[in-house]
Protein backbone atom coordinates (compact mmCIF):
# COMPACT_ATOMS: atom_id res chain seq x y z
CA MET A 1 -29.90 -2.99 -2.56
CA ARG A 2 -30.94 0.33 -1.88
CA GLU A 3 -32.27 2.71 -4.92
CA MET A 4 -29.48 5.36 -4.27
CA THR A 5 -26.92 2.64 -3.93
CA ARG A 6 -27.94 1.05 -7.20
CA ARG A 7 -27.74 4.12 -9.13
CA ARG A 8 -24.21 5.09 -7.54
CA LEU A 9 -23.04 1.80 -8.97
CA GLU A 10 -24.52 2.53 -12.32
CA VAL A 11 -22.79 5.85 -12.44
CA PHE A 12 -19.49 4.28 -11.40
CA LYS A 13 -19.63 1.45 -14.05
CA SER A 14 -20.62 4.24 -16.66
CA ASN A 15 -17.18 5.60 -16.03
CA ARG A 16 -15.31 2.81 -17.97
CA ARG A 17 -11.79 4.06 -17.02
CA ALA A 18 -12.57 4.06 -13.24
CA TYR A 19 -14.56 0.72 -13.64
CA TYR A 20 -11.63 -1.06 -14.86
CA SER A 21 -9.32 0.62 -12.70
CA ALA A 22 -11.27 -0.80 -9.67
CA TYR A 23 -10.37 -4.26 -11.30
CA LEU A 24 -6.70 -3.65 -11.66
CA LEU A 25 -6.45 -2.34 -8.25
CA LEU A 26 -8.12 -5.40 -6.99
CA PHE A 27 -5.61 -7.43 -8.84
CA LEU A 28 -2.75 -5.74 -7.35
CA VAL A 29 -4.33 -6.00 -3.84
CA LEU A 30 -4.52 -9.89 -4.47
CA LEU A 31 -0.90 -9.78 -6.08
CA SER A 32 0.26 -8.18 -2.78
CA LEU A 33 -1.65 -10.54 -0.44
CA LEU A 34 -0.15 -13.62 -2.48
CA ALA A 35 3.20 -12.23 -2.93
CA PRO A 36 5.00 -15.09 -0.78
CA LEU A 37 3.38 -17.75 -2.99
CA ILE A 38 4.19 -16.00 -6.32
CA ALA A 39 7.66 -15.02 -5.73
CA ASN A 40 9.86 -16.91 -3.40
CA ASP A 41 13.28 -18.70 -3.37
CA LYS A 42 11.80 -21.64 -1.83
CA PRO A 43 9.40 -24.31 -3.34
CA LEU A 44 5.66 -24.31 -2.64
CA LEU A 45 5.72 -28.02 -2.16
CA VAL A 46 8.37 -30.99 -2.20
CA ARG A 47 7.34 -34.60 -2.81
CA TYR A 48 10.06 -36.92 -1.04
CA GLU A 49 9.62 -40.60 -0.59
CA GLY A 50 5.90 -40.52 -0.77
CA ARG A 51 5.68 -37.67 2.01
CA PHE A 52 4.86 -34.01 1.30
CA TYR A 53 6.96 -31.12 2.53
CA PHE A 54 6.02 -27.41 2.65
CA PRO A 55 9.59 -25.51 2.57
CA ILE A 56 7.63 -22.03 2.20
CA LEU A 57 6.12 -22.79 5.70
CA LYS A 58 8.68 -24.69 7.30
CA ALA A 59 12.71 -25.07 7.18
CA TYR A 60 14.04 -28.42 6.43
CA SER A 61 17.61 -29.61 6.63
CA GLU A 62 19.46 -31.07 3.85
CA THR A 63 19.54 -34.47 5.92
CA THR A 64 15.68 -34.64 5.70
CA PHE A 65 16.20 -35.42 1.68
CA GLY A 66 19.21 -37.48 2.23
CA GLY A 67 21.94 -34.85 2.23
CA ASP A 68 24.97 -34.75 4.65
CA PHE A 69 24.41 -31.29 6.38
CA GLU A 70 22.00 -30.34 8.99
CA THR A 71 21.92 -26.75 7.61
CA PRO A 72 18.65 -25.66 5.90
CA ALA A 73 18.36 -27.12 2.39
CA ASN A 74 19.22 -25.02 -0.77
CA TYR A 75 16.61 -26.30 -2.98
CA LYS A 76 18.42 -24.37 -5.93
CA ASP A 77 21.60 -26.58 -5.33
CA PRO A 78 21.81 -29.07 -8.16
CA TYR A 79 22.90 -31.63 -5.36
CA VAL A 80 19.64 -31.28 -3.32
CA GLU A 81 17.50 -31.19 -6.61
CA GLU A 82 18.97 -34.59 -7.44
CA LEU A 83 18.53 -36.21 -4.27
CA ILE A 84 14.84 -35.32 -4.55
CA LEU A 85 14.43 -36.60 -7.80
CA ALA A 86 16.37 -39.75 -7.28
CA LYS A 87 13.43 -40.77 -5.13
CA GLU A 88 11.11 -40.18 -7.68
CA GLY A 89 9.99 -36.77 -5.95
CA ARG A 90 8.95 -33.60 -7.31
CA VAL A 91 9.47 -30.01 -6.46
CA VAL A 92 6.85 -27.43 -7.00
CA TRP A 93 8.26 -23.88 -7.57
CA PRO A 94 6.45 -20.32 -7.25
CA LEU A 95 6.19 -18.56 -10.61
CA VAL A 96 9.12 -16.45 -9.74
CA ARG A 97 12.03 -18.10 -8.00
CA TYR A 98 13.27 -15.48 -6.01
CA ARG A 99 12.49 -13.34 -2.98
CA TYR A 100 12.88 -9.65 -2.67
CA ASP A 101 16.12 -10.31 -0.93
CA THR A 102 17.53 -13.18 -2.67
CA ILE A 103 20.80 -12.49 -4.57
CA ASN A 104 21.30 -14.34 -7.79
CA TYR A 105 24.97 -15.58 -7.62
CA ASP A 106 24.76 -17.31 -10.96
CA LEU A 107 24.58 -14.03 -13.04
CA LYS A 108 26.44 -14.23 -16.45
CA ALA A 109 27.59 -10.57 -16.08
CA PRO A 110 27.98 -7.96 -13.44
CA ALA A 111 24.90 -6.63 -11.68
CA PRO A 112 22.82 -4.96 -12.62
CA THR A 113 21.67 -7.20 -15.59
CA PRO A 114 19.07 -6.84 -18.15
CA PRO A 115 16.09 -9.07 -18.44
CA ASP A 116 16.86 -12.69 -19.32
CA ASP A 117 15.13 -16.00 -19.04
CA HIS A 118 15.81 -16.11 -15.36
CA ASN A 119 15.36 -12.57 -14.30
CA TRP A 120 12.32 -11.41 -16.53
CA LEU A 121 12.86 -7.83 -15.28
CA GLY A 122 16.61 -8.02 -14.78
CA THR A 123 18.45 -7.45 -11.70
CA ASP A 124 19.26 -4.42 -9.66
CA ASP A 125 22.91 -3.51 -8.53
CA GLN A 126 23.01 -5.92 -5.95
CA GLY A 127 21.91 -8.95 -8.08
CA ARG A 128 18.22 -9.14 -6.85
CA ASP A 129 15.25 -9.99 -8.91
CA VAL A 130 13.55 -6.68 -10.26
CA LEU A 131 10.29 -8.65 -10.44
CA ALA A 132 10.36 -10.08 -7.22
CA ARG A 133 11.11 -6.63 -5.63
CA LEU A 134 8.43 -5.11 -7.63
CA ILE A 135 5.78 -7.49 -6.37
CA TYR A 136 6.91 -7.25 -2.71
CA GLY A 137 7.14 -3.25 -3.31
CA TYR A 138 3.50 -3.24 -4.31
CA SER A 139 2.84 -5.25 -1.29
CA VAL A 140 4.57 -2.61 1.15
CA SER A 141 3.13 0.34 -0.58
CA LEU A 142 -0.53 -0.76 -0.57
CA ALA A 143 -0.18 -1.75 3.03
CA PHE A 144 1.22 1.31 3.89
CA GLY A 145 -1.21 3.39 1.93
CA PHE A 146 -4.32 1.55 3.23
CA LEU A 147 -3.32 1.83 6.82
CA LEU A 148 -2.30 5.38 6.74
CA THR A 149 -5.48 6.33 4.85
CA ILE A 150 -7.78 4.51 7.36
CA LEU A 151 -6.00 5.85 10.42
CA SER A 152 -5.71 9.52 9.03
CA SER A 153 -9.27 9.26 8.01
CA LEU A 154 -10.39 8.16 11.66
CA VAL A 155 -8.56 11.44 13.11
CA GLY A 156 -9.55 13.69 10.29
CA VAL A 157 -13.06 12.64 10.51
CA ALA A 158 -13.23 13.02 14.25
CA VAL A 159 -11.60 16.35 14.23
CA GLY A 160 -13.49 17.78 11.69
CA ALA A 161 -16.78 16.62 13.32
CA MET A 162 -15.82 18.35 16.50
CA GLN A 163 -15.11 21.60 14.98
CA GLY A 164 -18.24 21.68 12.69
CA TYR A 165 -20.63 20.34 15.34
CA TYR A 166 -19.49 22.66 18.27
CA GLY A 167 -18.34 25.66 16.35
CA GLY A 168 -17.38 28.68 18.41
CA LYS A 169 -14.06 28.56 20.25
CA VAL A 170 -13.49 24.91 19.42
CA ASP A 171 -14.00 25.68 15.81
CA LEU A 172 -11.63 28.76 15.99
CA LEU A 173 -9.01 27.14 18.37
CA GLY A 174 -9.09 24.05 15.93
CA GLN A 175 -8.48 26.25 12.97
CA ARG A 176 -5.55 28.07 14.30
CA PHE A 177 -3.79 24.81 15.43
CA ILE A 178 -4.41 23.08 12.01
CA GLU A 179 -2.81 26.18 10.26
CA ILE A 180 0.14 26.03 12.40
CA TRP A 181 0.85 22.27 12.32
CA SER A 182 0.02 22.24 8.54
CA GLY A 183 3.25 24.72 8.25
CA MET A 184 5.45 22.25 9.80
CA PRO A 185 8.25 20.81 7.42
CA MET A 186 7.32 17.15 7.48
CA LEU A 187 10.40 16.16 5.33
CA PHE A 188 12.67 18.01 7.50
CA LEU A 189 11.34 16.44 10.51
CA LEU A 190 11.78 13.11 9.19
CA ILE A 191 15.48 13.70 8.00
CA ILE A 192 16.07 15.18 11.74
CA LEU A 193 14.40 12.24 13.55
CA SER A 194 16.03 9.68 11.23
CA SER A 195 19.32 10.80 12.73
CA PHE A 196 18.13 9.64 16.08
CA VAL A 197 15.75 6.74 15.14
CA GLU A 198 16.29 3.95 12.68
CA ALA A 199 13.44 4.37 10.22
CA SER A 200 10.70 1.16 10.06
CA PHE A 201 7.35 0.76 8.66
CA PHE A 202 5.40 1.51 11.54
CA TRP A 203 7.68 4.47 12.54
CA LEU A 204 7.22 6.16 9.30
CA LEU A 205 3.49 5.40 9.53
CA GLY A 206 3.21 7.25 12.76
CA ILE A 207 5.25 10.09 11.85
CA MET A 208 3.06 10.51 8.61
CA LEU A 209 -0.03 10.13 10.45
CA LEU A 210 0.89 13.14 12.55
CA PHE A 211 0.35 15.24 9.33
CA SER A 212 -1.82 13.30 6.97
CA TRP A 213 -5.00 13.72 9.02
CA MET A 214 -5.50 17.07 8.11
CA SER A 215 -6.43 16.51 4.72
CA LEU A 216 -10.04 15.44 5.47
CA VAL A 217 -10.87 17.97 8.30
CA GLY A 218 -11.88 20.74 5.92
CA VAL A 219 -14.55 18.54 4.14
CA VAL A 220 -15.98 16.91 7.40
CA ARG A 221 -16.14 20.26 9.16
CA ALA A 222 -18.13 21.97 6.12
CA GLU A 223 -20.53 19.14 6.16
CA PHE A 224 -21.13 19.37 9.83
CA LEU A 225 -21.19 23.26 9.95
CA ARG A 226 -23.96 22.85 7.37
CA GLY A 227 -25.68 19.70 8.85
CA ARG A 228 -26.07 21.03 12.57
CA ASN A 229 -28.56 23.53 11.17
CA LEU A 230 -30.81 21.27 9.62
CA GLU A 231 -34.38 20.99 10.88
CA TYR A 232 -34.21 17.19 11.76
CA VAL A 233 -30.85 17.85 13.95
CA ARG A 234 -32.63 20.74 15.74
CA SER A 235 -35.51 18.46 16.30
CA ALA A 236 -33.38 15.85 17.71
CA LYS A 237 -31.53 18.40 19.98
CA ALA A 238 -35.07 19.42 21.33
CA LEU A 239 -36.24 15.73 22.16
CA GLY A 240 -33.02 15.61 24.31
CA VAL A 241 -31.00 13.05 22.10
CA SER A 242 -27.36 13.23 23.03
CA HIS A 243 -24.55 15.04 20.91
CA GLY A 244 -22.73 11.84 20.43
CA VAL A 245 -25.88 10.29 18.71
CA ILE A 246 -26.79 13.09 16.82
CA MET A 247 -23.09 13.53 15.17
CA ARG A 248 -23.02 9.66 14.49
CA ARG A 249 -26.50 9.09 13.37
CA HIS A 250 -27.58 12.18 11.71
CA ILE A 251 -24.89 13.96 10.35
CA LEU A 252 -21.85 11.74 9.86
CA PRO A 253 -23.66 9.52 7.07
CA ASN A 254 -24.08 12.91 5.01
CA ALA A 255 -20.49 14.10 5.71
CA MET A 256 -19.01 10.50 4.68
CA VAL A 257 -20.40 10.80 1.24
CA ALA A 258 -17.94 13.71 0.46
CA THR A 259 -15.31 11.88 2.59
CA LEU A 260 -15.24 8.58 0.74
CA THR A 261 -14.57 10.46 -2.61
CA PHE A 262 -11.33 11.78 -1.08
CA LEU A 263 -10.03 8.39 0.12
CA PRO A 264 -8.44 7.23 -3.16
CA PHE A 265 -6.54 10.51 -3.51
CA VAL A 266 -5.36 10.34 0.20
CA MET A 267 -3.87 6.95 -0.33
CA SER A 268 -2.36 8.01 -3.64
CA GLY A 269 -0.61 10.81 -1.67
CA SER A 270 0.54 8.59 0.92
CA ILE A 271 1.96 6.02 -1.42
CA ALA A 272 3.77 9.10 -3.31
CA THR A 273 5.16 10.51 -0.15
CA LEU A 274 6.72 7.20 1.05
CA THR A 275 7.93 6.78 -2.49
CA SER A 276 9.63 10.00 -2.32
CA LEU A 277 11.32 9.22 1.16
CA ASP A 278 12.71 6.13 -0.07
CA PHE A 279 13.98 7.71 -3.23
CA LEU A 280 15.79 10.28 -0.88
CA GLY A 281 16.95 7.60 1.43
CA PHE A 282 14.87 8.72 4.67
CA GLY A 283 12.14 5.96 4.12
CA LEU A 284 12.03 2.04 4.75
CA PRO A 285 15.30 0.50 5.98
CA SER A 286 17.92 -0.52 3.53
CA GLY A 287 17.15 -3.66 1.57
CA ALA A 288 13.50 -3.56 2.38
CA PRO A 289 11.34 -3.73 -0.95
CA SER A 290 10.57 -0.31 -2.12
CA LEU A 291 9.48 1.22 -5.47
CA GLY A 292 11.33 4.43 -4.18
CA GLU A 293 14.48 2.69 -3.74
CA LEU A 294 14.32 1.00 -7.11
CA LEU A 295 13.54 4.46 -8.55
CA ALA A 296 16.85 5.65 -6.90
CA GLN A 297 18.83 2.54 -8.26
CA GLY A 298 17.61 3.72 -11.57
CA LYS A 299 18.94 7.21 -11.18
CA GLN A 300 22.25 5.79 -10.09
CA ASN A 301 22.75 3.22 -12.72
CA LEU A 302 21.78 5.03 -15.96
CA HIS A 303 23.73 2.34 -17.77
CA ALA A 304 20.96 0.07 -16.82
CA PRO A 305 17.84 1.47 -18.15
CA HIS A 306 15.64 -1.21 -17.24
CA LEU A 307 15.84 -0.20 -13.66
CA GLY A 308 14.51 3.33 -14.11
CA LEU A 309 11.78 2.24 -16.77
CA CYS A 310 10.64 -0.34 -14.36
CA ALA A 311 10.30 1.76 -11.40
CA PHE A 312 8.56 4.68 -13.44
CA PHE A 313 6.19 2.50 -15.24
CA SER A 314 4.94 0.71 -11.90
CA ILE A 315 4.70 3.93 -9.74
CA ALA A 316 2.71 5.56 -12.55
CA PHE A 317 0.45 2.53 -12.90
CA LEU A 318 -0.46 2.36 -9.20
CA LEU A 319 -1.17 6.02 -8.78
CA SER A 320 -3.07 6.28 -12.05
CA ILE A 321 -5.52 3.60 -11.32
CA LEU A 322 -5.87 5.02 -7.61
CA VAL A 323 -6.69 8.41 -9.28
CA PHE A 324 -8.96 6.78 -11.84
CA VAL A 325 -10.88 5.22 -9.12
CA GLY A 326 -11.14 8.21 -7.16
CA GLU A 327 -12.78 10.02 -10.07
CA GLY A 328 -15.28 7.22 -10.38
CA LEU A 329 -16.12 7.44 -6.80
CA ARG A 330 -16.49 11.45 -7.13
CA ASP A 331 -19.06 10.99 -10.21
CA ALA A 332 -20.85 8.29 -8.16
CA PHE A 333 -21.36 10.33 -5.07
CA ASP A 334 -22.32 13.47 -6.99
CA PRO A 335 -25.87 14.18 -6.46
CA ARG A 336 -26.27 15.65 -9.98
CA LEU A 337 -25.23 12.51 -11.71
CA SER A 338 -26.79 9.68 -9.45
CA LEU A 339 -30.42 11.27 -9.37
């Protein structure tokens, strides 16, 4: 490990808030990746007559377990469960026996219901388990945030590098275009386009990418404007090294130091924007697991405070740890602290 990298890690670890937030973020990422194994309305494993079945991966008919119908087995049905147990079988369930779209028809009161033994965080106004929707909502939000951050970083770094390295008319025209483009009302455009195109995950990703790439252009542009006048860059030009090699090998590594510190904040902004659009009803399709949609349900059902509280604390928790990790990265790459 390089000495500079070791010092940066030490500075990051010295910020205990950022250090523990990084572990919490890793936990949320693992939770999101394993969401189907943690919250699902199908068993992970069924043992029946000495054979093993994996309903979470493949649909089995009721006749597979001695039933009467060719339709997919309902493993929560006491009749199907009794058929399996009668043959000394066994059913292994996930921790949460609901998916984000599973409706609990056995509620003892009208939905939304408060937390109980079956629905640990209660149900929403359609009878769906809140905990399952939170787990899948984290998965969607983190996936959206990661993809948008990576794509916007690629575009923003490329545009900022071109402006800063070539300067002149390229920089002047680029800055004027960014000033005009940044003034476009993204929310209004989304509302208008939603009347023509049905919103989806990748549709929202593409629309938001059109505007989010500008957040990193200024930082990269400034680093390239400074770096292109350094002595070793001028020497490389005098030796006939191509512009692409100079930008990639000699200036970009220095520019990435400042860029990396912004990525957690870009990601938190992406997730906050998606949550806002879902809250207003212009985000993901209806029924998709969304933190913003859960927050909107809390607003519409004030008599069920568990909805608003769960949505608020889950969103605040996710955005807070992203900001704390960003602060830790900012300190780690600060030359005054890592020397």
